[in-house]
Amino acid sequence: MAEKEKKKVKKSENAIQRYFRETTGELRKVSWPTWPEAKRLTGLVLMVMVFVGLFLALIDFLSDSLMNLVLGI
């Protein structure tokens, strides 16, 4: 009898309620970084972004110069 009642509760739960219940359960399993670790990783991401931006700017400049040379502009 108890199993049938559990099934009724599960069936009456709509998709939105199930989504939030499952999301909350998954967030409890997350291993959150410490504050110093988060600062270090944020700095690393910013440095990589700057490096990639400079690299792409250099490639853009060189390809622009090469196209101007080829086209005689």
C-alpha atoms as a PDB file:
ATOM      1  CA  MET A   1       0.000   0.000   0.000  1.00  0.00           C
ATOM      2  CA  ALA A   2       2.814   2.417   0.863  1.00  0.00           C
ATOM      3  CA  GLU A   3       4.397   1.907  -2.572  1.00  0.00           C
ATOM      4  CA  LYS A   4       1.175   2.930  -4.313  1.00  0.00           C
ATOM      5  CA  GLU A   5       1.039   6.135  -2.252  1.00  0.00           C
ATOM      6  CA  LYS A   6       4.647   6.951  -3.195  1.00  0.00           C
ATOM      7  CA  LYS A   7       3.821   6.438  -6.855  1.00  0.00           C
ATOM      8  CA  LYS A   8       0.832   8.768  -6.542  1.00  0.00           C
ATOM      9  CA  VAL A   9       3.019  11.491  -5.052  1.00  0.00           C
ATOM     10  CA  LYS A  10       5.573  11.113  -7.841  1.00  0.00           C
ATOM     11  CA  LYS A  11       2.894  11.225 -10.552  1.00  0.00           C
ATOM     12  CA  SER A  12       1.191  14.314  -9.126  1.00  0.00           C
ATOM     13  CA  GLU A  13       4.496  16.204  -9.159  1.00  0.00           C
ATOM     14  CA  ASN A  14       4.766  18.291 -12.317  1.00  0.00           C
ATOM     15  CA  ALA A  15       7.884  18.685 -14.460  1.00  0.00           C
ATOM     16  CA  ILE A  16       8.835  22.091 -13.058  1.00  0.00           C
ATOM     17  CA  GLN A  17       8.739  20.873  -9.463  1.00  0.00           C
ATOM     18  CA  ARG A  18      10.791  17.800 -10.396  1.00  0.00           C
ATOM     19  CA  TYR A  19      13.344  19.986 -12.223  1.00  0.00           C
ATOM     20  CA  PHE A  20      13.906  22.236  -9.194  1.00  0.00           C
ATOM     21  CA  ARG A  21      14.031  19.279  -6.790  1.00  0.00           C
ATOM     22  CA  GLU A  22      16.617  17.476  -8.913  1.00  0.00           C
ATOM     23  CA  THR A  23      18.634  20.660  -9.508  1.00  0.00           C
ATOM     24  CA  THR A  24      18.785  21.352  -5.771  1.00  0.00           C
ATOM     25  CA  GLY A  25      19.940  17.788  -5.173  1.00  0.00           C
ATOM     26  CA  GLU A  26      22.701  18.098  -7.762  1.00  0.00           C
ATOM     27  CA  LEU A  27      23.905  21.442  -6.382  1.00  0.00           C
ATOM     28  CA  ARG A  28      24.368  19.813  -2.979  1.00  0.00           C
ATOM     29  CA  LYS A  29      26.843  17.383  -4.567  1.00  0.00           C
ATOM     30  CA  VAL A  30      29.034  20.143  -6.065  1.00  0.00           C
ATOM     31  CA  SER A  31      32.506  20.649  -4.659  1.00  0.00           C
ATOM     32  CA  TRP A  32      32.711  24.453  -4.541  1.00  0.00           C
ATOM     33  CA  PRO A  33      36.205  26.059  -4.740  1.00  0.00           C
ATOM     34  CA  THR A  34      37.664  27.985  -1.839  1.00  0.00           C
ATOM     35  CA  TRP A  35      37.927  31.772  -2.112  1.00  0.00           C
ATOM     36  CA  PRO A  36      41.720  31.813  -2.806  1.00  0.00           C
ATOM     37  CA  GLU A  37      41.273  29.066  -5.391  1.00  0.00           C
ATOM     38  CA  ALA A  38      38.447  30.988  -7.098  1.00  0.00           C
ATOM     39  CA  LYS A  39      40.569  34.174  -7.227  1.00  0.00           C
ATOM     40  CA  ARG A  40      43.532  32.275  -8.692  1.00  0.00           C
ATOM     41  CA  LEU A  41      41.422  30.582 -11.355  1.00  0.00           C
ATOM     42  CA  THR A  42      39.700  33.871 -12.242  1.00  0.00           C
ATOM     43  CA  GLY A  43      43.113  35.498 -12.731  1.00  0.00           C
ATOM     44  CA  LEU A  44      44.181  32.598 -14.921  1.00  0.00           C
ATOM     45  CA  VAL A  45      41.063  32.911 -17.091  1.00  0.00           C
ATOM     46  CA  LEU A  46      41.616  36.671 -17.491  1.00  0.00           C
ATOM     47  CA  MET A  47      45.261  36.149 -18.491  1.00  0.00           C
ATOM     48  CA  VAL A  48      44.296  33.521 -21.088  1.00  0.00           C
ATOM     49  CA  MET A  49      41.612  35.859 -22.468  1.00  0.00           C
ATOM     50  CA  VAL A  50      44.139  38.679 -22.862  1.00  0.00           C
ATOM     51  CA  PHE A  51      46.683  36.341 -24.495  1.00  0.00           C
ATOM     52  CA  VAL A  52      44.136  34.944 -26.959  1.00  0.00           C
ATOM     53  CA  GLY A  53      42.858  38.464 -27.732  1.00  0.00           C
ATOM     54  CA  LEU A  54      46.379  39.708 -28.476  1.00  0.00           C
ATOM     55  CA  PHE A  55      47.114  36.634 -30.573  1.00  0.00           C
ATOM     56  CA  LEU A  56      43.943  37.115 -32.641  1.00  0.00           C
ATOM     57  CA  ALA A  57      44.687  40.829 -33.058  1.00  0.00           C
ATOM     58  CA  LEU A  58      48.163  39.952 -34.348  1.00  0.00           C
ATOM     59  CA  ILE A  59      46.766  37.376 -36.783  1.00  0.00           C
ATOM     60  CA  ASP A  60      44.165  39.909 -37.972  1.00  0.00           C
ATOM     61  CA  PHE A  61      46.816  42.585 -38.489  1.00  0.00           C
ATOM     62  CA  LEU A  62      49.117  40.220 -40.384  1.00  0.00           C
ATOM     63  CA  SER A  63      46.354  38.862 -42.600  1.00  0.00           C
ATOM     64  CA  ASP A  64      45.142  42.412 -43.322  1.00  0.00           C
ATOM     65  CA  SER A  65      48.669  43.491 -44.245  1.00  0.00           C
ATOM     66  CA  LEU A  66      49.138  40.421 -46.451  1.00  0.00           C
ATOM     67  CA  MET A  67      45.831  41.025 -48.255  1.00  0.00           C
ATOM     68  CA  ASN A  68      46.728  44.695 -48.829  1.00  0.00           C
ATOM     69  CA  LEU A  69      50.103  43.612 -50.210  1.00  0.00           C
ATOM     70  CA  VAL A  70      48.544  41.015 -52.525  1.00  0.00           C
ATOM     71  CA  LEU A  71      45.796  43.328 -53.750  1.00  0.00           C
ATOM     72  CA  GLY A  72      48.175  46.306 -54.071  1.00  0.00           C
ATOM     73  CA  ILE A  73      46.117  48.622 -51.874  1.00  0.00           C
END
